[in-house]
PDB file of N, CA and C in Angstrom:
ATOM      1  N   MET A   1     -48.659-154.434 -23.150  1.00  0.00           N
ATOM      2  CA  MET A   1     -47.413-153.834 -22.665  1.00  0.00           C
ATOM      3  C   MET A   1     -46.772-154.784 -21.649  1.00  0.00           C
ATOM      4  N   PRO A   2     -45.515-155.183 -21.875  1.00  0.00           N
ATOM      5  CA  PRO A   2     -44.842-156.096 -20.941  1.00  0.00           C
ATOM      6  C   PRO A   2     -44.642-155.443 -19.572  1.00  0.00           C
ATOM      7  N   GLN A   3     -44.573-156.290 -18.565  1.00  0.00           N
ATOM      8  CA  GLN A   3     -44.348-155.804 -17.205  1.00  0.00           C
ATOM      9  C   GLN A   3     -42.893-156.058 -16.829  1.00  0.00           C
ATOM     10  N   GLU A   4     -42.296-155.092 -16.111  1.00  0.00           N
ATOM     11  CA  GLU A   4     -40.902-155.256 -15.711  1.00  0.00           C
ATOM     12  C   GLU A   4     -40.747-156.460 -14.797  1.00  0.00           C
ATOM     13  N   ARG A   5     -39.648-157.184 -15.042  1.00  0.00           N
ATOM     14  CA  ARG A   5     -39.319-158.358 -14.254  1.00  0.00           C
ATOM     15  C   ARG A   5     -37.890-158.215 -13.766  1.00  0.00           C
ATOM     16  N   GLU A   6     -37.555-159.071 -12.836  1.00  0.00           N
ATOM     17  CA  GLU A   6     -36.207-159.059 -12.257  1.00  0.00           C
ATOM     18  C   GLU A   6     -35.291-159.924 -13.119  1.00  0.00           C
ATOM     19  N   TYR A   7     -34.115-159.379 -13.446  1.00  0.00           N
ATOM     20  CA  TYR A   7     -33.119-160.108 -14.237  1.00  0.00           C
ATOM     21  C   TYR A   7     -31.789-160.138 -13.492  1.00  0.00           C
ATOM     22  N   PHE A   8     -31.086-161.243 -13.641  1.00  0.00           N
ATOM     23  CA  PHE A   8     -29.705-161.343 -13.180  1.00  0.00           C
ATOM     24  C   PHE A   8     -28.820-160.947 -14.351  1.00  0.00           C
ATOM     25  N   VAL A   9     -27.938-159.990 -14.133  1.00  0.00           N
ATOM     26  CA  VAL A   9     -26.943-159.621 -15.136  1.00  0.00           C
ATOM     27  C   VAL A   9     -25.592-159.994 -14.534  1.00  0.00           C
ATOM     28  N   ILE A  10     -24.922-160.939 -15.179  1.00  0.00           N
ATOM     29  CA  ILE A  10     -23.678-161.489 -14.650  1.00  0.00           C
ATOM     30  C   ILE A  10     -22.541-161.086 -15.578  1.00  0.00           C
ATOM     31  N   GLY A  11     -21.453-160.577 -14.993  1.00  0.00           N
ATOM     32  CA  GLY A  11     -20.313-160.170 -15.801  1.00  0.00           C
ATOM     33  C   GLY A  11     -19.255-159.503 -14.962  1.00  0.00           C
ATOM     34  N   ARG A  12     -18.401-158.762 -15.650  1.00  0.00           N
ATOM     35  CA  ARG A  12     -17.309-158.039 -14.988  1.00  0.00           C
ATOM     36  C   ARG A  12     -17.488-156.554 -15.236  1.00  0.00           C
ATOM     37  N   TRP A  13     -17.535-155.801 -14.137  1.00  0.00           N
ATOM     38  CA  TRP A  13     -17.695-154.354 -14.189  1.00  0.00           C
ATOM     39  C   TRP A  13     -16.330-153.721 -14.014  1.00  0.00           C
ATOM     40  N   SER A  14     -16.031-152.743 -14.865  1.00  0.00           N
ATOM     41  CA  SER A  14     -14.778-152.000 -14.760  1.00  0.00           C
ATOM     42  C   SER A  14     -15.102-150.546 -15.054  1.00  0.00           C
ATOM     43  N   GLY A  15     -15.421-149.812 -13.981  1.00  0.00           N
ATOM     44  CA  GLY A  15     -15.844-148.426 -14.180  1.00  0.00           C
ATOM     45  C   GLY A  15     -17.136-148.408 -14.974  1.00  0.00           C
ATOM     46  N   PRO A  16     -17.182-147.630 -16.039  1.00  0.00           N
ATOM     47  CA  PRO A  16     -18.413-147.553 -16.826  1.00  0.00           C
ATOM     48  C   PRO A  16     -18.575-148.706 -17.817  1.00  0.00           C
ATOM     49  N   GLU A  17     -17.580-149.554 -17.927  1.00  0.00           N
ATOM     50  CA  GLU A  17     -17.604-150.654 -18.898  1.00  0.00           C
ATOM     51  C   GLU A  17     -18.082-151.945 -18.245  1.00  0.00           C
ATOM     52  N   ILE A  18     -18.853-152.731 -18.995  1.00  0.00           N
ATOM     53  CA  ILE A  18     -19.320-154.028 -18.520  1.00  0.00           C
ATOM     54  C   ILE A  18     -19.022-155.078 -19.580  1.00  0.00           C
ATOM     55  N   ASP A  19     -18.452-156.175 -19.144  1.00  0.00           N
ATOM     56  CA  ASP A  19     -18.309-157.354 -19.989  1.00  0.00           C
ATOM     57  C   ASP A  19     -19.384-158.328 -19.514  1.00  0.00           C
ATOM     58  N   VAL A  20     -20.531-158.351 -20.215  1.00  0.00           N
ATOM     59  CA  VAL A  20     -21.673-159.166 -19.786  1.00  0.00           C
ATOM     60  C   VAL A  20     -21.457-160.608 -20.226  1.00  0.00           C
ATOM     61  N   TRP A  21     -21.565-161.518 -19.254  1.00  0.00           N
ATOM     62  CA  TRP A  21     -21.399-162.943 -19.526  1.00  0.00           C
ATOM     63  C   TRP A  21     -22.738-163.649 -19.701  1.00  0.00           C
ATOM     64  N   LYS A  22     -23.735-163.212 -18.932  1.00  0.00           N
ATOM     65  CA  LYS A  22     -25.019-163.901 -18.974  1.00  0.00           C
ATOM     66  C   LYS A  22     -26.104-162.981 -18.449  1.00  0.00           C
ATOM     67  N   ILE A  23     -27.288-163.099 -19.053  1.00  0.00           N
ATOM     68  CA  ILE A  23     -28.478-162.395 -18.588  1.00  0.00           C
ATOM     69  C   ILE A  23     -29.567-163.443 -18.471  1.00  0.00           C
ATOM     70  N   GLU A  24     -30.199-163.464 -17.316  1.00  0.00           N
ATOM     71  CA  GLU A  24     -31.243-164.462 -17.102  1.00  0.00           C
ATOM     72  C   GLU A  24     -32.353-163.868 -16.234  1.00  0.00           C
ATOM     73  N   GLU A  25     -33.572-164.158 -16.614  1.00  0.00           N
ATOM     74  CA  GLU A  25     -34.686-163.719 -15.790  1.00  0.00           C
ATOM     75  C   GLU A  25     -34.646-164.478 -14.469  1.00  0.00           C
ATOM     76  N   ALA A  26     -34.816-163.759 -13.387  1.00  0.00           N
ATOM     77  CA  ALA A  26     -34.789-164.374 -12.063  1.00  0.00           C
ATOM     78  C   ALA A  26     -36.062-165.183 -11.849  1.00  0.00           C
ATOM     79  N   PRO A  27     -35.930-166.311 -11.175  1.00  0.00           N
ATOM     80  CA  PRO A  27     -37.133-167.097 -10.868  1.00  0.00           C
ATOM     81  C   PRO A  27     -38.099-166.290 -10.008  1.00  0.00           C
ATOM     82  N   ARG A  28     -39.362-166.542 -10.174  1.00  0.00           N
ATOM     83  CA  ARG A  28     -40.376-165.813  -9.401  1.00  0.00           C
ATOM     84  C   ARG A  28     -40.513-166.352  -7.987  1.00  0.00           C
ATOM     85  N   ASP A  29     -40.196-167.622  -7.784  1.00  0.00           N
ATOM     86  CA  ASP A  29     -40.250-168.215  -6.452  1.00  0.00           C
ATOM     87  C   ASP A  29     -39.089-167.662  -5.619  1.00  0.00           C
ATOM     88  N   PRO A  30     -39.361-167.025  -4.477  1.00  0.00           N
ATOM     89  CA  PRO A  30     -38.299-166.391  -3.693  1.00  0.00           C
ATOM     90  C   PRO A  30     -37.183-167.340  -3.251  1.00  0.00           C
ATOM     91  N   ALA A  31     -37.519-168.556  -2.840  1.00  0.00           N
ATOM     92  CA  ALA A  31     -36.487-169.499  -2.399  1.00  0.00           C
ATOM     93  C   ALA A  31     -35.604-169.925  -3.570  1.00  0.00           C
ATOM     94  N   GLU A  32     -36.235-170.209  -4.697  1.00  0.00           N
ATOM     95  CA  GLU A  32     -35.482-170.598  -5.893  1.00  0.00           C
ATOM     96  C   GLU A  32     -34.608-169.441  -6.370  1.00  0.00           C
ATOM     97  N   ARG A  33     -35.168-168.226  -6.307  1.00  0.00           N
ATOM     98  CA  ARG A  33     -34.420-167.031  -6.707  1.00  0.00           C
ATOM     99  C   ARG A  33     -33.179-166.853  -5.842  1.00  0.00           C
ATOM    100  N   ASP A  34     -33.345-166.961  -4.527  1.00  0.00           N
ATOM    101  CA  ASP A  34     -32.218-166.782  -3.610  1.00  0.00           C
ATOM    102  C   ASP A  34     -31.139-167.838  -3.824  1.00  0.00           C
ATOM    103  N   ASP A  35     -31.562-169.097  -4.048  1.00  0.00           N
ATOM    104  CA  ASP A  35     -30.594-170.177  -4.287  1.00  0.00           C
ATOM    105  C   ASP A  35     -29.805-169.927  -5.571  1.00  0.00           C
ATOM    106  N   LEU A  36     -30.512-169.555  -6.634  1.00  0.00           N
ATOM    107  CA  LEU A  36     -29.847-169.315  -7.914  1.00  0.00           C
ATOM    108  C   LEU A  36     -28.947-168.079  -7.838  1.00  0.00           C
ATOM    109  N   LEU A  37     -29.403-167.049  -7.142  1.00  0.00           N
ATOM    110  CA  LEU A  37     -28.590-165.851  -6.979  1.00  0.00           C
ATOM    111  C   LEU A  37     -27.283-166.188  -6.265  1.00  0.00           C
ATOM    112  N   GLU A  38     -27.357-166.979  -5.203  1.00  0.00           N
ATOM    113  CA  GLU A  38     -26.144-167.358  -4.466  1.00  0.00           C
ATOM    114  C   GLU A  38     -25.213-168.196  -5.338  1.00  0.00           C
ATOM    115  N   GLU A  39     -25.765-169.110  -6.093  1.00  0.00           N
ATOM    116  CA  GLU A  39     -24.945-169.947  -6.991  1.00  0.00           C
ATOM    117  C   GLU A  39     -24.234-169.088  -8.033  1.00  0.00           C
ATOM    118  N   TYR A  40     -24.981-168.190  -8.677  1.00  0.00           N
ATOM    119  CA  TYR A  40     -24.386-167.316  -9.688  1.00  0.00           C
ATOM    120  C   TYR A  40     -23.365-166.358  -9.067  1.00  0.00           C
ATOM    121  N   ARG A  41     -23.661-165.870  -7.863  1.00  0.00           N
ATOM    122  CA  ARG A  41     -22.742-164.948  -7.199  1.00  0.00           C
ATOM    123  C   ARG A  41     -21.403-165.628  -6.947  1.00  0.00           C
ATOM    124  N   LEU A  42     -21.435-166.848  -6.438  1.00  0.00           N
ATOM    125  CA  LEU A  42     -20.193-167.583  -6.174  1.00  0.00           C
ATOM    126  C   LEU A  42     -19.426-167.874  -7.461  1.00  0.00           C
ATOM    127  N   ASP A  43     -20.150-168.315  -8.497  1.00  0.00           N
ATOM    128  CA  ASP A  43     -19.500-168.587  -9.787  1.00  0.00           C
ATOM    129  C   ASP A  43     -18.876-167.316 -10.373  1.00  0.00           C
ATOM    130  N   ALA A  44     -19.603-166.208 -10.284  1.00  0.00           N
ATOM    131  CA  ALA A  44     -19.091-164.947 -10.824  1.00  0.00           C
ATOM    132  C   ALA A  44     -17.859-164.492 -10.059  1.00  0.00           C
ATOM    133  N   GLU A  45     -17.900-164.592  -8.729  1.00  0.00           N
ATOM    134  CA  GLU A  45     -16.745-164.186  -7.922  1.00  0.00           C
ATOM    135  C   GLU A  45     -15.527-165.045  -8.223  1.00  0.00           C
ATOM    136  N   ASP A  46     -15.734-166.338  -8.424  1.00  0.00           N
ATOM    137  CA  ASP A  46     -14.623-167.227  -8.773  1.00  0.00           C
ATOM    138  C   ASP A  46     -13.969-166.822 -10.089  1.00  0.00           C
ATOM    139  N   ALA A  47     -14.762-166.256 -10.989  1.00  0.00           N
ATOM    140  CA  ALA A  47     -14.255-165.848 -12.299  1.00  0.00           C
ATOM    141  C   ALA A  47     -13.857-164.371 -12.327  1.00  0.00           C
ATOM    142  N   GLY A  48     -13.891-163.689 -11.174  1.00  0.00           N
ATOM    143  CA  GLY A  48     -13.499-162.282 -11.129  1.00  0.00           C
ATOM    144  C   GLY A  48     -14.601-161.333 -11.541  1.00  0.00           C
ATOM    145  N   GLY A  49     -15.835-161.780 -11.469  1.00  0.00           N
ATOM    146  CA  GLY A  49     -16.949-160.925 -11.857  1.00  0.00           C
ATOM    147  C   GLY A  49     -17.916-160.721 -10.717  1.00  0.00           C
ATOM    148  N   SER A  50     -19.108-160.288 -11.065  1.00  0.00           N
ATOM    149  CA  SER A  50     -20.138-160.079 -10.065  1.00  0.00           C
ATOM    150  C   SER A  50     -21.499-160.199 -10.737  1.00  0.00           C
ATOM    151  N   ILE A  51     -22.528-160.076  -9.930  1.00  0.00           N
ATOM    152  CA  ILE A  51     -23.895-160.174 -10.437  1.00  0.00           C
ATOM    153  C   ILE A  51     -24.677-158.962  -9.971  1.00  0.00           C
ATOM    154  N   GLU A  52     -25.462-158.413 -10.867  1.00  0.00           N
ATOM    155  CA  GLU A  52     -26.336-157.293 -10.544  1.00  0.00           C
ATOM    156  C   GLU A  52     -27.768-157.716 -10.839  1.00  0.00           C
ATOM    157  N   ILE A  53     -28.686-157.184 -10.069  1.00  0.00           N
ATOM    158  CA  ILE A  53     -30.105-157.434 -10.311  1.00  0.00           C
ATOM    159  C   ILE A  53     -30.689-156.144 -10.861  1.00  0.00           C
ATOM    160  N   VAL A  54     -31.324-156.255 -12.020  1.00  0.00           N
ATOM    161  CA  VAL A  54     -31.966-155.092 -12.630  1.00  0.00           C
ATOM    162  C   VAL A  54     -33.397-155.463 -12.995  1.00  0.00           C
ATOM    163  N   TYR A  55     -34.228-154.443 -13.140  1.00  0.00           N
ATOM    164  CA  TYR A  55     -35.624-154.641 -13.513  1.00  0.00           C
ATOM    165  C   TYR A  55     -35.815-154.125 -14.928  1.00  0.00           C
ATOM    166  N   ALA A  56     -36.405-154.966 -15.772  1.00  0.00           N
ATOM    167  CA  ALA A  56     -36.609-154.595 -17.170  1.00  0.00           C
ATOM    168  C   ALA A  56     -37.718-155.448 -17.762  1.00  0.00           C
ATOM    169  N   ASP A  57     -38.141-155.072 -18.970  1.00  0.00           N
ATOM    170  CA  ASP A  57     -39.172-155.831 -19.682  1.00  0.00           C
ATOM    171  C   ASP A  57     -38.597-157.046 -20.395  1.00  0.00           C
ATOM    172  N   THR A  58     -37.354-156.912 -20.880  1.00  0.00           N
ATOM    173  CA  THR A  58     -36.713-157.993 -21.642  1.00  0.00           C
ATOM    174  C   THR A  58     -35.257-158.129 -21.206  1.00  0.00           C
ATOM    175  N   GLY A  59     -34.637-159.219 -21.636  1.00  0.00           N
ATOM    176  CA  GLY A  59     -33.216-159.412 -21.351  1.00  0.00           C
ATOM    177  C   GLY A  59     -32.354-158.324 -21.970  1.00  0.00           C
ATOM    178  N   ALA A  60     -32.692-157.916 -23.193  1.00  0.00           N
ATOM    179  CA  ALA A  60     -31.926-156.853 -23.864  1.00  0.00           C
ATOM    180  C   ALA A  60     -32.038-155.539 -23.096  1.00  0.00           C
ATOM    181  N   GLN A  61     -33.230-155.239 -22.607  1.00  0.00           N
ATOM    182  CA  GLN A  61     -33.392-154.022 -21.811  1.00  0.00           C
ATOM    183  C   GLN A  61     -32.665-154.135 -20.480  1.00  0.00           C
ATOM    184  N   ALA A  62     -32.595-155.343 -19.934  1.00  0.00           N
ATOM    185  CA  ALA A  62     -31.855-155.545 -18.684  1.00  0.00           C
ATOM    186  C   ALA A  62     -30.383-155.212 -18.890  1.00  0.00           C
ATOM    187  N   GLU A  63     -29.832-155.650 -20.017  1.00  0.00           N
ATOM    188  CA  GLU A  63     -28.427-155.333 -20.314  1.00  0.00           C
ATOM    189  C   GLU A  63     -28.236-153.832 -20.489  1.00  0.00           C
ATOM    190  N   GLU A  64     -29.140-153.184 -21.216  1.00  0.00           N
ATOM    191  CA  GLU A  64     -29.053-151.727 -21.397  1.00  0.00           C
ATOM    192  C   GLU A  64     -29.132-151.005 -20.049  1.00  0.00           C
ATOM    193  N   THR A  65     -30.030-151.465 -19.191  1.00  0.00           N
ATOM    194  CA  THR A  65     -30.179-150.854 -17.872  1.00  0.00           C
ATOM    195  C   THR A  65     -28.908-151.014 -17.057  1.00  0.00           C
ATOM    196  N   ALA A  66     -28.322-152.215 -17.075  1.00  0.00           N
ATOM    197  CA  ALA A  66     -27.086-152.460 -16.328  1.00  0.00           C
ATOM    198  C   ALA A  66     -25.960-151.575 -16.841  1.00  0.00           C
ATOM    199  N   ARG A  67     -25.855-151.428 -18.158  1.00  0.00           N
ATOM    200  CA  ARG A  67     -24.805-150.575 -18.738  1.00  0.00           C
ATOM    201  C   ARG A  67     -25.020-149.108 -18.350  1.00  0.00           C
ATOM    202  N   ARG A  68     -26.272-148.651 -18.425  1.00  0.00           N
ATOM    203  CA  ARG A  68     -26.575-147.261 -18.066  1.00  0.00           C
ATOM    204  C   ARG A  68     -26.270-147.012 -16.588  1.00  0.00           C
ATOM    205  N   GLU A  69     -26.664-147.945 -15.728  1.00  0.00           N
ATOM    206  CA  GLU A  69     -26.395-147.788 -14.298  1.00  0.00           C
ATOM    207  C   GLU A  69     -24.896-147.785 -14.010  1.00  0.00           C
ATOM    208  N   ALA A  70     -24.127-148.604 -14.731  1.00  0.00           N
ATOM    209  CA  ALA A  70     -22.672-148.619 -14.548  1.00  0.00           C
ATOM    210  C   ALA A  70     -22.067-147.273 -14.930  1.00  0.00           C
ATOM    211  N   GLU A  71     -22.520-146.712 -16.049  1.00  0.00           N
ATOM    212  CA  GLU A  71     -22.025-145.404 -16.484  1.00  0.00           C
ATOM    213  C   GLU A  71     -22.390-144.313 -15.483  1.00  0.00           C
ATOM    214  N   GLU A  72     -23.633-144.339 -15.003  1.00  0.00           N
ATOM    215  CA  GLU A  72     -24.073-143.330 -14.036  1.00  0.00           C
ATOM    216  C   GLU A  72     -23.296-143.448 -12.720  1.00  0.00           C
ATOM    217  N   THR A  73     -23.065-144.664 -12.279  1.00  0.00           N
ATOM    218  CA  THR A  73     -22.320-144.877 -11.037  1.00  0.00           C
ATOM    219  C   THR A  73     -20.883-144.404 -11.191  1.00  0.00           C
ATOM    220  N   ALA A  74     -20.244-144.735 -12.313  1.00  0.00           N
ATOM    221  CA  ALA A  74     -18.865-144.299 -12.549  1.00  0.00           C
ATOM    222  C   ALA A  74     -18.779-142.775 -12.592  1.00  0.00           C
ATOM    223  N   GLU A  75     -19.755-142.140 -13.214  1.00  0.00           N
ATOM    224  CA  GLU A  75     -19.767-140.672 -13.288  1.00  0.00           C
ATOM    225  C   GLU A  75     -19.947-140.063 -11.901  1.00  0.00           C
ATOM    226  N   ARG A  76     -20.843-140.630 -11.104  1.00  0.00           N
ATOM    227  CA  ARG A  76     -21.080-140.134  -9.745  1.00  0.00           C
ATOM    228  C   ARG A  76     -19.823-140.278  -8.895  1.00  0.00           C
ATOM    229  N   ILE A  77     -19.138-141.413  -9.013  1.00  0.00           N
ATOM    230  CA  ILE A  77     -17.904-141.640  -8.255  1.00  0.00           C
ATOM    231  C   ILE A  77     -16.832-140.655  -8.708  1.00  0.00           C
ATOM    232  N   SER A  78     -16.727-140.444 -10.004  1.00  0.00           N
ATOM    233  CA  SER A  78     -15.731-139.516 -10.543  1.00  0.00           C
ATOM    234  C   SER A  78     -15.968-138.103 -10.028  1.00  0.00           C
ATOM    235  N   ARG A  79     -17.227-137.661 -10.037  1.00  0.00           N
ATOM    236  CA  ARG A  79     -17.551-136.316  -9.532  1.00  0.00           C
ATOM    237  C   ARG A  79     -17.235-136.214  -8.044  1.00  0.00           C
ATOM    238  N   SER A  80     -17.555-137.258  -7.297  1.00  0.00           N
ATOM    239  CA  SER A  80     -17.313-137.246  -5.858  1.00  0.00           C
ATOM    240  C   SER A  80     -15.816-137.174  -5.558  1.00  0.00           C
ATOM    241  N   LEU A  81     -15.023-137.965  -6.273  1.00  0.00           N
ATOM    242  CA  LEU A  81     -13.575-137.946  -6.065  1.00  0.00           C
ATOM    243  C   LEU A  81     -12.981-136.598  -6.449  1.00  0.00           C
ATOM    244  N   ALA A  82     -13.454-136.021  -7.551  1.00  0.00           N
ATOM    245  CA  ALA A  82     -12.952-134.714  -7.982  1.00  0.00           C
ATOM    246  C   ALA A  82     -13.309-133.648  -6.948  1.00  0.00           C
ATOM    247  N   SER A  83     -14.509-133.717  -6.413  1.00  0.00           N
ATOM    248  CA  SER A  83     -14.941-132.752  -5.403  1.00  0.00           C
ATOM    249  C   SER A  83     -14.086-132.873  -4.143  1.00  0.00           C
ATOM    250  N   ARG A  84     -13.814-134.086  -3.713  1.00  0.00           N
ATOM    251  CA  ARG A  84     -12.970-134.290  -2.536  1.00  0.00           C
ATOM    252  C   ARG A  84     -11.547-133.797  -2.778  1.00  0.00           C
ATOM    253  N   ALA A  85     -11.034-134.020  -3.972  1.00  0.00           N
ATOM    254  CA  ALA A  85      -9.677-133.571  -4.287  1.00  0.00           C
ATOM    255  C   ALA A  85      -9.598-132.046  -4.271  1.00  0.00           C
ATOM    256  N   ARG A  86     -10.624-131.388  -4.823  1.00  0.00           N
ATOM    257  CA  ARG A  86     -10.641-129.923  -4.816  1.00  0.00           C
ATOM    258  C   ARG A  86     -10.724-129.390  -3.384  1.00  0.00           C
ATOM    259  N   ALA A  87     -11.537-130.028  -2.553  1.00  0.00           N
ATOM    260  CA  ALA A  87     -11.666-129.591  -1.154  1.00  0.00           C
ATOM    261  C   ALA A  87     -10.345-129.784  -0.415  1.00  0.00           C
ATOM    262  N   ALA A  88      -9.673-130.891  -0.637  1.00  0.00           N
ATOM    263  CA  ALA A  88      -8.386-131.139   0.016  1.00  0.00           C
ATOM    264  C   ALA A  88      -7.350-130.135  -0.461  1.00  0.00           C
ATOM    265  N   ASP A  89      -7.394-129.792  -1.750  1.00  0.00           N
ATOM    266  CA  ASP A  89      -6.460-128.811  -2.291  1.00  0.00           C
ATOM    267  C   ASP A  89      -6.707-127.438  -1.663  1.00  0.00           C
ATOM    268  N   ARG A  90      -7.969-127.072  -1.501  1.00  0.00           N
ATOM    269  CA  ARG A  90      -8.285-125.776  -0.871  1.00  0.00           C
ATOM    270  C   ARG A  90      -7.801-125.761   0.575  1.00  0.00           C
ATOM    271  N   ARG A  91      -8.011-126.854   1.305  1.00  0.00           N
ATOM    272  CA  ARG A  91      -7.556-126.918   2.696  1.00  0.00           C
ATOM    273  C   ARG A  91      -6.030-126.823   2.771  1.00  0.00           C
ATOM    274  N   ALA A  92      -5.348-127.446   1.859  1.00  0.00           N
ATOM    275  CA  ALA A  92      -3.885-127.429   1.869  1.00  0.00           C
ATOM    276  C   ALA A  92      -3.340-126.039   1.574  1.00  0.00           C
ATOM    277  N   ARG A  93      -4.078-125.248   0.829  1.00  0.00           N
ATOM    278  CA  ARG A  93      -3.613-123.902   0.480  1.00  0.00           C
ATOM    279  C   ARG A  93      -3.936-122.856   1.532  1.00  0.00           C
ATOM    280  N   GLN A  94      -4.768-123.203   2.514  1.00  0.00           N
ATOM    281  CA  GLN A  94      -5.106-122.237   3.553  1.00  0.00           C
ATOM    282  C   GLN A  94      -3.890-122.014   4.448  1.00  0.00           C
ATOM    283  N   PRO A  95      -3.674-120.767   4.858  1.00  0.00           N
ATOM    284  CA  PRO A  95      -2.536-120.495   5.736  1.00  0.00           C
ATOM    285  C   PRO A  95      -2.717-121.203   7.081  1.00  0.00           C
ATOM    286  N   GLY A  96      -1.620-121.697   7.585  1.00  0.00           N
ATOM    287  CA  GLY A  96      -1.643-122.337   8.891  1.00  0.00           C
ATOM    288  C   GLY A  96      -2.091-123.782   8.875  1.00  0.00           C
ATOM    289  N   THR A  97      -2.343-124.315   7.702  1.00  0.00           N
ATOM    290  CA  THR A  97      -2.714-125.732   7.643  1.00  0.00           C
ATOM    291  C   THR A  97      -1.577-126.504   7.019  1.00  0.00           C
ATOM    292  N   SER A  98      -1.397-127.657   7.529  1.00  0.00           N
ATOM    293  CA  SER A  98      -0.319-128.494   7.023  1.00  0.00           C
ATOM    294  C   SER A  98      -0.654-129.944   7.300  1.00  0.00           C
ATOM    295  N   SER A  99      -0.109-130.813   6.497  1.00  0.00           N
ATOM    296  CA  SER A  99      -0.332-132.229   6.742  1.00  0.00           C
ATOM    297  C   SER A  99       0.635-132.761   7.792  1.00  0.00           C
ATOM    298  N   ARG A 100       1.620-131.946   8.145  1.00  0.00           N
ATOM    299  CA  ARG A 100       2.588-132.347   9.175  1.00  0.00           C
ATOM    300  C   ARG A 100       2.309-131.613  10.459  1.00  0.00           C
ATOM    301  N   ARG A 101       2.415-132.310  11.535  1.00  0.00           N
ATOM    302  CA  ARG A 101       2.238-131.693  12.842  1.00  0.00           C
ATOM    303  C   ARG A 101       3.591-131.175  13.303  1.00  0.00           C
ATOM    304  N   ARG A 102       3.638-129.948  13.721  1.00  0.00           N
ATOM    305  CA  ARG A 102       4.900-129.366  14.176  1.00  0.00           C
ATOM    306  C   ARG A 102       4.997-129.514  15.683  1.00  0.00           C
ATOM    307  N   VAL A 103       6.109-130.056  16.118  1.00  0.00           N
ATOM    308  CA  VAL A 103       6.341-130.277  17.544  1.00  0.00           C
ATOM    309  C   VAL A 103       7.651-129.615  17.917  1.00  0.00           C
ATOM    310  N   ARG A 104       7.634-128.844  18.988  1.00  0.00           N
ATOM    311  CA  ARG A 104       8.864-128.211  19.465  1.00  0.00           C
ATOM    312  C   ARG A 104       9.641-129.218  20.290  1.00  0.00           C
ATOM    313  N   HIS A 105      10.913-129.228  20.090  1.00  0.00           N
ATOM    314  CA  HIS A 105      11.782-130.097  20.850  1.00  0.00           C
ATOM    315  C   HIS A 105      12.702-129.233  21.717  1.00  0.00           C
ATOM    316  N   HIS A 106      12.844-129.604  22.940  1.00  0.00           N
ATOM    317  CA  HIS A 106      13.734-128.905  23.856  1.00  0.00           C
ATOM    318  C   HIS A 106      14.869-129.851  24.232  1.00  0.00           C
ATOM    319  N   TYR A 107      16.071-129.383  24.000  1.00  0.00           N
ATOM    320  CA  TYR A 107      17.235-130.210  24.326  1.00  0.00           C
ATOM    321  C   TYR A 107      17.941-129.636  25.540  1.00  0.00           C
ATOM    322  N   ARG A 108      18.508-130.451  26.364  1.00  0.00           N
ATOM    323  CA  ARG A 108      19.235-129.989  27.539  1.00  0.00           C
ATOM    324  C   ARG A 108      20.705-129.995  27.278  1.00  0.00           C
TER     325      ARG A 108
END
């Protein structure tokens, strides 16, 4: 049975969608890993992408894991935003609440 390893998944994330550019097993040497991660991070940012680290048995599983995590994250963000919008709507409908502050003006 294979053991999970660290993989770099490089690409562009857009909500639940991923355009994967490269998948590579991370080096086991910590210094080499950090150097390569920084190099890939800079290259990805220059191209409008990013890098994620996932743990998997194979490169194909690393891609599946990255896609699943992207979908789960997008769903969590969507639920959170919907919940906040509903709470703001409830607050706006309560009597005596307003987004504008009322100030009395006295003229002489």
